[in-house]
Amino acid sequence: MSARNNVAPSTIGVDFVEGGIVVEYLDGRDVFYHGPPKPVEGGLKTPPGKEVHVLVTDPDGVEGVMTYVNDRNTHDEILESTGVGRVMLEGDDEEVLFPGVTVSTAAYSIRVEADLSLVDGRVFVFAEDEMSEHAYELVASEDSSDDVDQHD
């Protein structure tokens, strides 16, 4: 398998529907993420070994940017044609996906954190594989204490 590169995301369409979220790729395809997303304060560590997709929407929730984290299956050209971005993390890397949204490695999991005071919109995390799908929305913490790692 060839090496995969970071790919910058483009703005894509988003639609909140009953039972989940529809992401409208630039190539005209739609992808449905099952929900409703579970609210998680501030940040989370995804279940281990899952494909992780992070969606940051505008305040109205009609468009956003989607980034795949450590996706080794999708070719760069496909990502570019759909508008989806990709970030590849190694070891103890940490990357800023969007102002206020960072991702880092946590063993076989991905840690996603959001400073929602810097994000003018909503932050969703989808973690899935052939066996299960998990949907989360990062929400503001009610206090200033550190967040507890959360996952299903």
C-alpha atoms as a PDB file:
ATOM      1  CA  MET A   1       0.000   0.000   0.000  1.00  0.00           C
ATOM      2  CA  SER A   2       1.368   3.395  -0.928  1.00  0.00           C
ATOM      3  CA  ALA A   3       1.927   6.183   1.568  1.00  0.00           C
ATOM      4  CA  ARG A   4      -0.963   8.511   2.214  1.00  0.00           C
ATOM      5  CA  ASN A   5      -0.686  12.282   2.422  1.00  0.00           C
ATOM      6  CA  ASN A   6      -2.472  14.980   4.321  1.00  0.00           C
ATOM      7  CA  VAL A   7      -5.240  16.479   2.166  1.00  0.00           C
ATOM      8  CA  ALA A   8      -6.882  19.835   2.913  1.00  0.00           C
ATOM      9  CA  PRO A   9     -10.689  19.699   3.156  1.00  0.00           C
ATOM     10  CA  SER A  10     -13.087  21.831   1.118  1.00  0.00           C
ATOM     11  CA  THR A  11     -16.438  23.190   2.229  1.00  0.00           C
ATOM     12  CA  ILE A  12     -19.169  20.591   1.708  1.00  0.00           C
ATOM     13  CA  GLY A  13     -22.910  20.465   2.335  1.00  0.00           C
ATOM     14  CA  VAL A  14     -24.441  19.188   5.573  1.00  0.00           C
ATOM     15  CA  ASP A  15     -28.057  18.281   6.303  1.00  0.00           C
ATOM     16  CA  PHE A  16     -29.445  17.288   9.695  1.00  0.00           C
ATOM     17  CA  VAL A  17     -32.216  14.748   9.143  1.00  0.00           C
ATOM     18  CA  GLU A  18     -34.199  12.457  11.381  1.00  0.00           C
ATOM     19  CA  GLY A  19     -31.883   9.690  12.534  1.00  0.00           C
ATOM     20  CA  GLY A  20     -28.578  11.276  11.590  1.00  0.00           C
ATOM     21  CA  ILE A  21     -26.526  13.647   9.484  1.00  0.00           C
ATOM     22  CA  VAL A  22     -26.163  13.679   5.698  1.00  0.00           C
ATOM     23  CA  VAL A  23     -22.853  14.915   4.294  1.00  0.00           C
ATOM     24  CA  GLU A  24     -23.043  16.093   0.674  1.00  0.00           C
ATOM     25  CA  TYR A  25     -19.731  15.552  -1.134  1.00  0.00           C
ATOM     26  CA  LEU A  26     -18.534  17.837  -3.924  1.00  0.00           C
ATOM     27  CA  ASP A  27     -18.883  14.993  -6.448  1.00  0.00           C
ATOM     28  CA  GLY A  28     -22.657  14.869  -5.804  1.00  0.00           C
ATOM     29  CA  ARG A  29     -22.724  11.802  -3.551  1.00  0.00           C
ATOM     30  CA  ASP A  30     -24.336  11.821  -0.116  1.00  0.00           C
ATOM     31  CA  VAL A  31     -23.181   9.856   2.916  1.00  0.00           C
ATOM     32  CA  PHE A  32     -25.463   9.216   5.892  1.00  0.00           C
ATOM     33  CA  TYR A  33     -23.997   9.114   9.400  1.00  0.00           C
ATOM     34  CA  HIS A  34     -26.365   7.447  11.853  1.00  0.00           C
ATOM     35  CA  GLY A  35     -27.306   9.409  14.950  1.00  0.00           C
ATOM     36  CA  PRO A  36     -28.396  11.275  16.826  1.00  0.00           C
ATOM     37  CA  PRO A  37     -24.853  12.052  17.982  1.00  0.00           C
ATOM     38  CA  LYS A  38     -24.128  11.518  21.683  1.00  0.00           C
ATOM     39  CA  PRO A  39     -23.147  14.803  23.400  1.00  0.00           C
ATOM     40  CA  VAL A  40     -19.659  14.714  24.925  1.00  0.00           C
ATOM     41  CA  GLU A  41     -18.162  17.626  26.821  1.00  0.00           C
ATOM     42  CA  GLY A  42     -15.033  19.158  25.321  1.00  0.00           C
ATOM     43  CA  GLY A  43     -13.189  16.112  24.022  1.00  0.00           C
ATOM     44  CA  LEU A  44     -13.212  12.367  23.657  1.00  0.00           C
ATOM     45  CA  LYS A  45     -11.073   9.340  22.978  1.00  0.00           C
ATOM     46  CA  THR A  46     -12.657   7.185  20.274  1.00  0.00           C
ATOM     47  CA  PRO A  47     -13.056   3.436  20.646  1.00  0.00           C
ATOM     48  CA  PRO A  48      -9.805   1.721  19.517  1.00  0.00           C
ATOM     49  CA  GLY A  49      -9.264   0.704  15.921  1.00  0.00           C
ATOM     50  CA  LYS A  50     -12.129   2.719  14.413  1.00  0.00           C
ATOM     51  CA  GLU A  51     -12.123   4.855  11.285  1.00  0.00           C
ATOM     52  CA  VAL A  52     -12.475   8.401  12.600  1.00  0.00           C
ATOM     53  CA  HIS A  53     -14.138  11.264  10.697  1.00  0.00           C
ATOM     54  CA  VAL A  54     -14.400  14.768  12.151  1.00  0.00           C
ATOM     55  CA  LEU A  55     -17.039  17.197  10.860  1.00  0.00           C
ATOM     56  CA  VAL A  56     -16.987  20.882  11.793  1.00  0.00           C
ATOM     57  CA  THR A  57     -20.093  22.764  10.639  1.00  0.00           C
ATOM     58  CA  ASP A  58     -20.967  26.413  10.305  1.00  0.00           C
ATOM     59  CA  PRO A  59     -23.311  27.905  12.939  1.00  0.00           C
ATOM     60  CA  ASP A  60     -26.364  27.182  10.763  1.00  0.00           C
ATOM     61  CA  GLY A  61     -25.322  23.573  10.116  1.00  0.00           C
ATOM     62  CA  VAL A  62     -25.743  23.798   6.339  1.00  0.00           C
ATOM     63  CA  GLU A  63     -22.086  23.413   5.387  1.00  0.00           C
ATOM     64  CA  GLY A  64     -18.855  22.310   6.969  1.00  0.00           C
ATOM     65  CA  VAL A  65     -15.504  20.606   6.568  1.00  0.00           C
ATOM     66  CA  MET A  66     -14.946  16.866   6.987  1.00  0.00           C
ATOM     67  CA  THR A  67     -11.543  15.355   7.774  1.00  0.00           C
ATOM     68  CA  TYR A  68     -10.635  11.673   7.964  1.00  0.00           C
ATOM     69  CA  VAL A  69      -8.018  10.858  10.603  1.00  0.00           C
ATOM     70  CA  ASN A  70      -5.382   8.237   9.715  1.00  0.00           C
ATOM     71  CA  ASP A  71      -7.372   6.939   6.735  1.00  0.00           C
ATOM     72  CA  ARG A  72      -5.079   4.618   4.790  1.00  0.00           C
ATOM     73  CA  ASN A  73      -7.693   3.308   2.345  1.00  0.00           C
ATOM     74  CA  THR A  74      -8.820   6.341   0.356  1.00  0.00           C
ATOM     75  CA  HIS A  75      -6.667   7.660  -2.479  1.00  0.00           C
ATOM     76  CA  ASP A  76      -5.749  11.354  -2.457  1.00  0.00           C
ATOM     77  CA  GLU A  77      -7.593  11.964  -5.749  1.00  0.00           C
ATOM     78  CA  ILE A  78     -10.851  10.595  -4.326  1.00  0.00           C
ATOM     79  CA  LEU A  79     -10.586  12.815  -1.260  1.00  0.00           C
ATOM     80  CA  GLU A  80      -9.880  15.849  -3.420  1.00  0.00           C
ATOM     81  CA  SER A  81     -12.884  15.142  -5.674  1.00  0.00           C
ATOM     82  CA  THR A  82     -15.237  14.732  -2.702  1.00  0.00           C
ATOM     83  CA  GLY A  83     -13.946  17.688  -0.667  1.00  0.00           C
ATOM     84  CA  VAL A  84     -12.998  15.499   2.295  1.00  0.00           C
ATOM     85  CA  GLY A  85      -9.654  16.138   3.946  1.00  0.00           C
ATOM     86  CA  ARG A  86      -7.253  13.742   5.605  1.00  0.00           C
ATOM     87  CA  VAL A  87      -4.661  14.057   8.336  1.00  0.00           C
ATOM     88  CA  MET A  88      -2.143  11.309   9.074  1.00  0.00           C
ATOM     89  CA  LEU A  89      -0.837  11.063  12.635  1.00  0.00           C
ATOM     90  CA  GLU A  90       2.148   9.076  13.862  1.00  0.00           C
ATOM     91  CA  GLY A  91       3.331   8.293  17.374  1.00  0.00           C
ATOM     92  CA  ASP A  92       2.398  11.154  19.642  1.00  0.00           C
ATOM     93  CA  ASP A  93       1.451  13.612  16.878  1.00  0.00           C
ATOM     94  CA  GLU A  94      -1.147  16.299  17.397  1.00  0.00           C
ATOM     95  CA  GLU A  95      -2.728  18.272  14.561  1.00  0.00           C
ATOM     96  CA  VAL A  96      -5.070  21.233  14.403  1.00  0.00           C
ATOM     97  CA  LEU A  97      -7.895  20.271  12.030  1.00  0.00           C
ATOM     98  CA  PHE A  98      -9.723  23.550  12.336  1.00  0.00           C
ATOM     99  CA  PRO A  99      -9.149  26.513  14.663  1.00  0.00           C
ATOM    100  CA  GLY A 100     -10.130  25.168  18.080  1.00  0.00           C
ATOM    101  CA  VAL A 101     -10.271  21.495  17.010  1.00  0.00           C
ATOM    102  CA  THR A 102      -7.269  19.202  17.530  1.00  0.00           C
ATOM    103  CA  VAL A 103      -6.687  15.492  17.039  1.00  0.00           C
ATOM    104  CA  SER A 104      -3.972  13.316  18.519  1.00  0.00           C
ATOM    105  CA  THR A 105      -3.121   9.663  18.866  1.00  0.00           C
ATOM    106  CA  ALA A 106      -4.006   7.772  22.047  1.00  0.00           C
ATOM    107  CA  ALA A 107      -2.660   4.208  21.631  1.00  0.00           C
ATOM    108  CA  TYR A 108      -5.063   2.586  19.130  1.00  0.00           C
ATOM    109  CA  SER A 109      -7.588   5.376  19.572  1.00  0.00           C
ATOM    110  CA  ILE A 110      -7.852   8.958  18.383  1.00  0.00           C
ATOM    111  CA  ARG A 111      -8.371  11.827  20.810  1.00  0.00           C
ATOM    112  CA  VAL A 112     -10.443  14.726  19.478  1.00  0.00           C
ATOM    113  CA  GLU A 113     -10.637  17.937  21.495  1.00  0.00           C
ATOM    114  CA  ALA A 114     -12.533  21.129  20.820  1.00  0.00           C
ATOM    115  CA  ASP A 115     -12.269  24.563  22.369  1.00  0.00           C
ATOM    116  CA  LEU A 116     -15.788  25.585  21.424  1.00  0.00           C
ATOM    117  CA  SER A 117     -15.097  29.213  22.295  1.00  0.00           C
ATOM    118  CA  LEU A 118     -12.924  29.228  19.140  1.00  0.00           C
ATOM    119  CA  VAL A 119     -15.308  27.230  16.922  1.00  0.00           C
ATOM    120  CA  ASP A 120     -18.122  29.171  15.302  1.00  0.00           C
ATOM    121  CA  GLY A 121     -20.277  26.124  14.675  1.00  0.00           C
ATOM    122  CA  ARG A 122     -20.629  22.514  15.779  1.00  0.00           C
ATOM    123  CA  VAL A 123     -18.104  19.646  16.023  1.00  0.00           C
ATOM    124  CA  PHE A 124     -19.068  16.030  15.304  1.00  0.00           C
ATOM    125  CA  VAL A 125     -16.938  12.896  15.529  1.00  0.00           C
ATOM    126  CA  PHE A 126     -17.846   9.632  13.807  1.00  0.00           C
ATOM    127  CA  ALA A 127     -15.984   6.436  14.730  1.00  0.00           C
ATOM    128  CA  GLU A 128     -16.905   3.323  12.792  1.00  0.00           C
ATOM    129  CA  ASP A 129     -15.866  -0.020  11.413  1.00  0.00           C
ATOM    130  CA  GLU A 130     -17.639  -3.040   9.909  1.00  0.00           C
ATOM    131  CA  MET A 131     -19.126  -3.911  13.320  1.00  0.00           C
ATOM    132  CA  SER A 132     -20.376  -0.607  14.740  1.00  0.00           C
ATOM    133  CA  GLU A 133     -20.908   3.098  14.239  1.00  0.00           C
ATOM    134  CA  HIS A 134     -20.518   5.747  16.939  1.00  0.00           C
ATOM    135  CA  ALA A 135     -21.575   9.388  16.536  1.00  0.00           C
ATOM    136  CA  TYR A 136     -20.646  12.147  18.981  1.00  0.00           C
ATOM    137  CA  GLU A 137     -21.082  15.901  19.204  1.00  0.00           C
ATOM    138  CA  LEU A 138     -18.502  17.799  21.213  1.00  0.00           C
ATOM    139  CA  VAL A 139     -20.314  20.282  23.451  1.00  0.00           C
ATOM    140  CA  ALA A 140     -19.170  22.956  25.886  1.00  0.00           C
ATOM    141  CA  SER A 141     -18.136  21.762  29.312  1.00  0.00           C
ATOM    142  CA  GLU A 142     -20.214  23.024  32.212  1.00  0.00           C
ATOM    143  CA  ASP A 143     -17.066  23.526  34.307  1.00  0.00           C
ATOM    144  CA  SER A 144     -13.404  24.174  33.620  1.00  0.00           C
ATOM    145  CA  SER A 145     -12.070  20.857  34.915  1.00  0.00           C
ATOM    146  CA  ASP A 146     -10.273  18.457  32.604  1.00  0.00           C
ATOM    147  CA  ASP A 147     -12.482  16.232  30.484  1.00  0.00           C
ATOM    148  CA  VAL A 148     -12.683  12.535  31.213  1.00  0.00           C
ATOM    149  CA  ASP A 149     -11.949  10.167  28.325  1.00  0.00           C
ATOM    150  CA  GLN A 150     -15.274   8.935  27.024  1.00  0.00           C
ATOM    151  CA  HIS A 151     -16.129   6.210  24.577  1.00  0.00           C
ATOM    152  CA  ASP A 152     -18.728   3.510  24.050  1.00  0.00           C
END
